Amino acid sequence: MANALGKVKTSTGPWITVAVILVAGFMYWLYAASSSIESGTIVADTVESIPRVTATDFVIDPTQFSRERILLSPLTVAERIGRAALTVDMPGLAGYPLILERSVVESELTVVRGDQIAIAGQVYALNDSLLDVYAQRGFFQPENRPKIEGHSTFFLVDSLDFVFPGTDTSGGNPSS
C-alpha cells in the first residue's frame, strides 16, 4: 500500500506544480487586467464636447434642449422627493424636477436641500403616464407627485457632482 501511494505522489507531483504555476499566472493576469480598468465613479462630465448651459438660459425654454445631452452647473437642490428624484431651484423656475438614472442612484450619493450640484443629462417631456411609471417604480413618494406634475419637462440626470464654494465653474471639473 505504501508503494502504491508513493507512486501516485511521484507521478502527480510535477503536474500539481504545473497546475499551481498556471493558476498563479492566471490570477496575476486577472489582477493586471482589472487594474487597468477605470473605476466607475459618477461625476458630472465637464468635457468640452458637452454643451454647458447656464440656469438662466435653461429656464427660458427647457424644451429647446430636448434630447440633447447638456451640463447644468451650479444648481441648488430645493428638495429630495424620493430615492431617485430631486427638485432644484433656478432663477425664475422653482422646484424643477430631476430624475436620477440608476447609475447615479447606485452610487449612493447623499444629496440634501441646499447642496450645490453640477448635473449632466437630457431634457424630456413629462406626462401622466411617465409619472405613473416613476411612481410605481418608487422613484418618488406618491405624496410628492403634485410637486412634479406642474412641469411640462424634466431633466434625466446621468451624472452628478457637487460644486463647492470658491470652485471655478467655468469649464473645469467642479469638484476638483
C-alpha atoms as a PDB file:
ATOM      1  CA  MET A   1       0.000   0.000   0.000  1.00  0.00           C
ATOM      2  CA  ALA A   2       2.850   2.334   0.808  1.00  0.00           C
ATOM      3  CA  ASN A   3       4.357   1.721  -2.617  1.00  0.00           C
ATOM      4  CA  ALA A   4       1.057   2.466  -4.401  1.00  0.00           C
ATOM      5  CA  LEU A   5       0.691   5.781  -2.597  1.00  0.00           C
ATOM      6  CA  GLY A   6       4.325   6.604  -3.177  1.00  0.00           C
ATOM      7  CA  LYS A   7       3.928   6.073  -6.934  1.00  0.00           C
ATOM      8  CA  VAL A   8       0.860   8.283  -7.011  1.00  0.00           C
ATOM      9  CA  LYS A   9       2.745  11.064  -5.224  1.00  0.00           C
ATOM     10  CA  THR A  10       5.748  10.973  -7.502  1.00  0.00           C
ATOM     11  CA  SER A  11       3.782  10.700 -10.733  1.00  0.00           C
ATOM     12  CA  THR A  12       1.414  13.599  -9.912  1.00  0.00           C
ATOM     13  CA  GLY A  13       3.963  15.843  -8.200  1.00  0.00           C
ATOM     14  CA  PRO A  14       5.141  17.614 -11.380  1.00  0.00           C
ATOM     15  CA  TRP A  15       1.565  18.068 -12.619  1.00  0.00           C
ATOM     16  CA  ILE A  16       0.490  19.674  -9.351  1.00  0.00           C
ATOM     17  CA  THR A  17       3.428  22.066  -9.640  1.00  0.00           C
ATOM     18  CA  VAL A  18       2.448  22.941 -13.227  1.00  0.00           C
ATOM     19  CA  ALA A  19      -1.193  23.457 -12.175  1.00  0.00           C
ATOM     20  CA  VAL A  20      -0.201  25.780  -9.305  1.00  0.00           C
ATOM     21  CA  ILE A  21       2.044  27.820 -11.627  1.00  0.00           C
ATOM     22  CA  LEU A  22      -0.741  28.094 -14.250  1.00  0.00           C
ATOM     23  CA  VAL A  23      -3.325  29.186 -11.684  1.00  0.00           C
ATOM     24  CA  ALA A  24      -0.906  31.723 -10.189  1.00  0.00           C
ATOM     25  CA  GLY A  25      -0.140  33.081 -13.665  1.00  0.00           C
ATOM     26  CA  PHE A  26      -3.842  33.339 -14.481  1.00  0.00           C
ATOM     27  CA  MET A  27      -4.539  35.160 -11.200  1.00  0.00           C
ATOM     28  CA  TYR A  28      -1.709  37.613 -11.922  1.00  0.00           C
ATOM     29  CA  TRP A  29      -3.097  38.230 -15.408  1.00  0.00           C
ATOM     30  CA  LEU A  30      -6.573  38.910 -13.937  1.00  0.00           C
ATOM     31  CA  TYR A  31      -5.071  41.343 -11.424  1.00  0.00           C
ATOM     32  CA  ALA A  32      -3.132  43.189 -14.146  1.00  0.00           C
ATOM     33  CA  ALA A  33      -6.163  43.339 -16.442  1.00  0.00           C
ATOM     34  CA  SER A  34      -8.504  44.600 -13.717  1.00  0.00           C
ATOM     35  CA  SER A  35      -6.109  47.294 -12.510  1.00  0.00           C
ATOM     36  CA  SER A  36      -6.190  48.919 -15.941  1.00  0.00           C
ATOM     37  CA  ILE A  37      -9.993  49.300 -15.816  1.00  0.00           C
ATOM     38  CA  GLU A  38     -11.136  52.756 -14.704  1.00  0.00           C
ATOM     39  CA  SER A  39     -13.275  52.934 -11.611  1.00  0.00           C
ATOM     40  CA  GLY A  40     -16.944  53.680 -12.275  1.00  0.00           C
ATOM     41  CA  THR A  41     -17.350  56.920 -10.365  1.00  0.00           C
ATOM     42  CA  ILE A  42     -20.366  59.006 -11.198  1.00  0.00           C
ATOM     43  CA  VAL A  43     -19.383  62.621 -11.707  1.00  0.00           C
ATOM     44  CA  ALA A  44     -20.756  65.318 -13.935  1.00  0.00           C
ATOM     45  CA  ASP A  45     -18.906  65.369 -17.225  1.00  0.00           C
ATOM     46  CA  THR A  46     -17.144  68.598 -17.978  1.00  0.00           C
ATOM     47  CA  VAL A  47     -15.709  67.580 -21.302  1.00  0.00           C
ATOM     48  CA  GLU A  48     -15.758  70.303 -23.926  1.00  0.00           C
ATOM     49  CA  SER A  49     -17.994  68.158 -26.181  1.00  0.00           C
ATOM     50  CA  ILE A  50     -20.943  68.558 -23.793  1.00  0.00           C
ATOM     51  CA  PRO A  51     -22.630  71.928 -24.160  1.00  0.00           C
ATOM     52  CA  ARG A  52     -22.589  73.876 -20.899  1.00  0.00           C
ATOM     53  CA  VAL A  53     -25.863  75.696 -20.301  1.00  0.00           C
ATOM     54  CA  THR A  54     -26.479  78.340 -17.660  1.00  0.00           C
ATOM     55  CA  ALA A  55     -29.561  78.081 -15.493  1.00  0.00           C
ATOM     56  CA  THR A  56     -30.852  81.427 -16.823  1.00  0.00           C
ATOM     57  CA  ASP A  57     -30.664  80.170 -20.434  1.00  0.00           C
ATOM     58  CA  PHE A  58     -32.246  76.870 -19.443  1.00  0.00           C
ATOM     59  CA  VAL A  59     -35.320  78.369 -17.759  1.00  0.00           C
ATOM     60  CA  ILE A  60     -36.224  80.444 -20.836  1.00  0.00           C
ATOM     61  CA  ASP A  61     -37.320  77.260 -22.612  1.00  0.00           C
ATOM     62  CA  PRO A  62     -36.165  73.862 -21.322  1.00  0.00           C
ATOM     63  CA  THR A  63     -37.691  72.145 -24.385  1.00  0.00           C
ATOM     64  CA  GLN A  64     -35.034  73.714 -26.634  1.00  0.00           C
ATOM     65  CA  PHE A  65     -32.554  71.277 -25.035  1.00  0.00           C
ATOM     66  CA  SER A  66     -34.818  68.272 -25.571  1.00  0.00           C
ATOM     67  CA  ARG A  67     -32.861  65.059 -26.170  1.00  0.00           C
ATOM     68  CA  GLU A  68     -29.544  66.907 -26.228  1.00  0.00           C
ATOM     69  CA  ARG A  69     -27.035  65.988 -23.528  1.00  0.00           C
ATOM     70  CA  ILE A  70     -26.102  69.146 -21.625  1.00  0.00           C
ATOM     71  CA  LEU A  71     -24.278  70.192 -18.472  1.00  0.00           C
ATOM     72  CA  LEU A  72     -26.035  72.459 -15.959  1.00  0.00           C
ATOM     73  CA  SER A  73     -23.990  73.988 -13.151  1.00  0.00           C
ATOM     74  CA  PRO A  74     -24.308  75.202 -10.462  1.00  0.00           C
ATOM     75  CA  LEU A  75     -27.820  74.349  -9.309  1.00  0.00           C
ATOM     76  CA  THR A  76     -29.256  74.487  -5.792  1.00  0.00           C
ATOM     77  CA  VAL A  77     -31.145  71.429  -4.547  1.00  0.00           C
ATOM     78  CA  ALA A  78     -34.571  72.500  -3.321  1.00  0.00           C
ATOM     79  CA  GLU A  79     -35.765  69.138  -2.032  1.00  0.00           C
ATOM     80  CA  ARG A  80     -35.244  65.398  -2.277  1.00  0.00           C
ATOM     81  CA  ILE A  81     -38.679  63.966  -3.092  1.00  0.00           C
ATOM     82  CA  GLY A  82     -37.810  60.287  -3.372  1.00  0.00           C
ATOM     83  CA  ARG A  83     -34.997  57.810  -3.788  1.00  0.00           C
ATOM     84  CA  ALA A  84     -34.428  58.840  -7.418  1.00  0.00           C
ATOM     85  CA  ALA A  85     -35.995  62.288  -7.653  1.00  0.00           C
ATOM     86  CA  LEU A  86     -34.955  65.807  -6.671  1.00  0.00           C
ATOM     87  CA  THR A  87     -36.134  69.297  -7.328  1.00  0.00           C
ATOM     88  CA  VAL A  88     -33.816  72.234  -7.954  1.00  0.00           C
ATOM     89  CA  ASP A  89     -34.336  75.973  -7.838  1.00  0.00           C
ATOM     90  CA  MET A  90     -33.242  78.091 -10.781  1.00  0.00           C
ATOM     91  CA  PRO A  91     -33.778  81.801 -11.400  1.00  0.00           C
ATOM     92  CA  GLY A  92     -37.463  82.125 -12.294  1.00  0.00           C
ATOM     93  CA  LEU A  93     -38.145  78.390 -12.059  1.00  0.00           C
ATOM     94  CA  ALA A  94     -38.581  76.893  -8.604  1.00  0.00           C
ATOM     95  CA  GLY A  95     -38.888  73.179  -7.949  1.00  0.00           C
ATOM     96  CA  TYR A  96     -37.765  71.895 -11.368  1.00  0.00           C
ATOM     97  CA  PRO A  97     -37.820  68.055 -11.317  1.00  0.00           C
ATOM     98  CA  LEU A  98     -34.712  65.913 -11.764  1.00  0.00           C
ATOM     99  CA  ILE A  99     -34.962  62.145 -12.176  1.00  0.00           C
ATOM    100  CA  LEU A 100     -31.762  60.256 -11.404  1.00  0.00           C
ATOM    101  CA  GLU A 101     -30.668  57.369 -13.613  1.00  0.00           C
ATOM    102  CA  ARG A 102     -29.948  54.024 -11.980  1.00  0.00           C
ATOM    103  CA  SER A 103     -26.156  54.521 -12.098  1.00  0.00           C
ATOM    104  CA  VAL A 104     -26.450  57.778 -10.131  1.00  0.00           C
ATOM    105  CA  VAL A 105     -28.791  56.219  -7.560  1.00  0.00           C
ATOM    106  CA  GLU A 106     -26.495  53.198  -7.147  1.00  0.00           C
ATOM    107  CA  SER A 107     -23.531  55.490  -6.477  1.00  0.00           C
ATOM    108  CA  GLU A 108     -25.261  56.215  -3.139  1.00  0.00           C
ATOM    109  CA  LEU A 109     -24.546  59.947  -3.152  1.00  0.00           C
ATOM    110  CA  THR A 110     -26.338  61.789  -0.383  1.00  0.00           C
ATOM    111  CA  VAL A 111     -27.889  64.934  -1.797  1.00  0.00           C
ATOM    112  CA  VAL A 112     -29.796  67.241   0.546  1.00  0.00           C
ATOM    113  CA  ARG A 113     -31.571  70.585   0.417  1.00  0.00           C
ATOM    114  CA  GLY A 114     -29.187  73.461  -0.234  1.00  0.00           C
ATOM    115  CA  ASP A 115     -26.443  71.409  -1.917  1.00  0.00           C
ATOM    116  CA  GLN A 116     -24.835  72.984  -4.970  1.00  0.00           C
ATOM    117  CA  ILE A 117     -24.610  70.426  -7.773  1.00  0.00           C
ATOM    118  CA  ALA A 118     -23.482  70.064 -11.365  1.00  0.00           C
ATOM    119  CA  ILE A 119     -25.538  67.680 -13.489  1.00  0.00           C
ATOM    120  CA  ALA A 120     -25.278  66.205 -16.949  1.00  0.00           C
ATOM    121  CA  GLY A 121     -28.158  64.608 -18.789  1.00  0.00           C
ATOM    122  CA  GLN A 122     -31.092  65.252 -21.080  1.00  0.00           C
ATOM    123  CA  VAL A 123     -34.442  67.028 -21.004  1.00  0.00           C
ATOM    124  CA  TYR A 124     -37.604  65.011 -21.717  1.00  0.00           C
ATOM    125  CA  ALA A 125     -41.298  65.792 -21.893  1.00  0.00           C
ATOM    126  CA  LEU A 126     -43.230  64.966 -18.735  1.00  0.00           C
ATOM    127  CA  ASN A 127     -46.690  63.428 -18.879  1.00  0.00           C
ATOM    128  CA  ASP A 128     -49.060  61.491 -16.624  1.00  0.00           C
ATOM    129  CA  SER A 129     -48.085  58.062 -17.937  1.00  0.00           C
ATOM    130  CA  LEU A 130     -44.398  58.719 -17.185  1.00  0.00           C
ATOM    131  CA  LEU A 131     -45.321  59.935 -13.721  1.00  0.00           C
ATOM    132  CA  ASP A 132     -47.341  56.751 -13.172  1.00  0.00           C
ATOM    133  CA  VAL A 133     -44.380  54.573 -14.184  1.00  0.00           C
ATOM    134  CA  TYR A 134     -41.930  56.509 -11.989  1.00  0.00           C
ATOM    135  CA  ALA A 135     -44.364  56.364  -9.052  1.00  0.00           C
ATOM    136  CA  GLN A 136     -44.828  52.589  -9.481  1.00  0.00           C
ATOM    137  CA  ARG A 137     -41.069  52.096  -9.515  1.00  0.00           C
ATOM    138  CA  GLY A 138     -40.723  54.122  -6.321  1.00  0.00           C
ATOM    139  CA  PHE A 139     -38.649  56.951  -7.795  1.00  0.00           C
ATOM    140  CA  PHE A 140     -40.612  59.469  -5.742  1.00  0.00           C
ATOM    141  CA  GLN A 141     -43.095  59.281  -2.893  1.00  0.00           C
ATOM    142  CA  PRO A 142     -46.741  59.479  -4.028  1.00  0.00           C
ATOM    143  CA  GLU A 143     -47.424  62.487  -1.794  1.00  0.00           C
ATOM    144  CA  ASN A 144     -44.780  64.420  -3.766  1.00  0.00           C
ATOM    145  CA  ARG A 145     -46.450  63.884  -7.148  1.00  0.00           C
ATOM    146  CA  PRO A 146     -48.086  67.353  -7.182  1.00  0.00           C
ATOM    147  CA  LYS A 147     -44.616  68.925  -6.910  1.00  0.00           C
ATOM    148  CA  ILE A 148     -43.662  67.312 -10.222  1.00  0.00           C
ATOM    149  CA  GLU A 149     -46.969  67.493 -12.109  1.00  0.00           C
ATOM    150  CA  GLY A 150     -46.841  71.247 -12.632  1.00  0.00           C
ATOM    151  CA  HIS A 151     -43.920  70.960 -15.077  1.00  0.00           C
ATOM    152  CA  SER A 152     -44.025  70.013 -18.758  1.00  0.00           C
ATOM    153  CA  THR A 153     -40.440  68.699 -18.828  1.00  0.00           C
ATOM    154  CA  PHE A 154     -37.960  67.011 -16.512  1.00  0.00           C
ATOM    155  CA  PHE A 155     -34.200  66.526 -16.533  1.00  0.00           C
ATOM    156  CA  LEU A 156     -32.937  62.931 -16.615  1.00  0.00           C
ATOM    157  CA  VAL A 157     -29.593  63.051 -14.744  1.00  0.00           C
ATOM    158  CA  ASP A 158     -26.960  60.592 -15.942  1.00  0.00           C
ATOM    159  CA  SER A 159     -24.141  62.074 -13.848  1.00  0.00           C
ATOM    160  CA  LEU A 160     -23.962  64.333 -10.840  1.00  0.00           C
ATOM    161  CA  ASP A 161     -21.213  66.075  -8.910  1.00  0.00           C
ATOM    162  CA  PHE A 162     -21.073  68.563  -6.057  1.00  0.00           C
ATOM    163  CA  VAL A 163     -19.965  72.176  -6.556  1.00  0.00           C
ATOM    164  CA  PHE A 164     -18.156  73.638  -3.586  1.00  0.00           C
ATOM    165  CA  PRO A 165     -17.937  77.369  -2.759  1.00  0.00           C
ATOM    166  CA  GLY A 166     -14.998  79.100  -4.416  1.00  0.00           C
ATOM    167  CA  THR A 167     -14.775  76.468  -7.141  1.00  0.00           C
ATOM    168  CA  ASP A 168     -14.317  77.508 -10.751  1.00  0.00           C
ATOM    169  CA  THR A 169     -17.475  76.547 -12.654  1.00  0.00           C
ATOM    170  CA  SER A 170     -16.446  77.995 -15.997  1.00  0.00           C
ATOM    171  CA  GLY A 171     -15.404  74.716 -17.580  1.00  0.00           C
ATOM    172  CA  GLY A 172     -13.201  72.695 -15.269  1.00  0.00           C
ATOM    173  CA  ASN A 173     -14.319  69.829 -13.101  1.00  0.00           C
ATOM    174  CA  PRO A 174     -16.461  71.428 -10.415  1.00  0.00           C
ATOM    175  CA  SER A 175     -15.326  69.127  -7.641  1.00  0.00           C
ATOM    176  CA  SER A 176     -11.571  69.323  -8.218  1.00  0.00           C
END
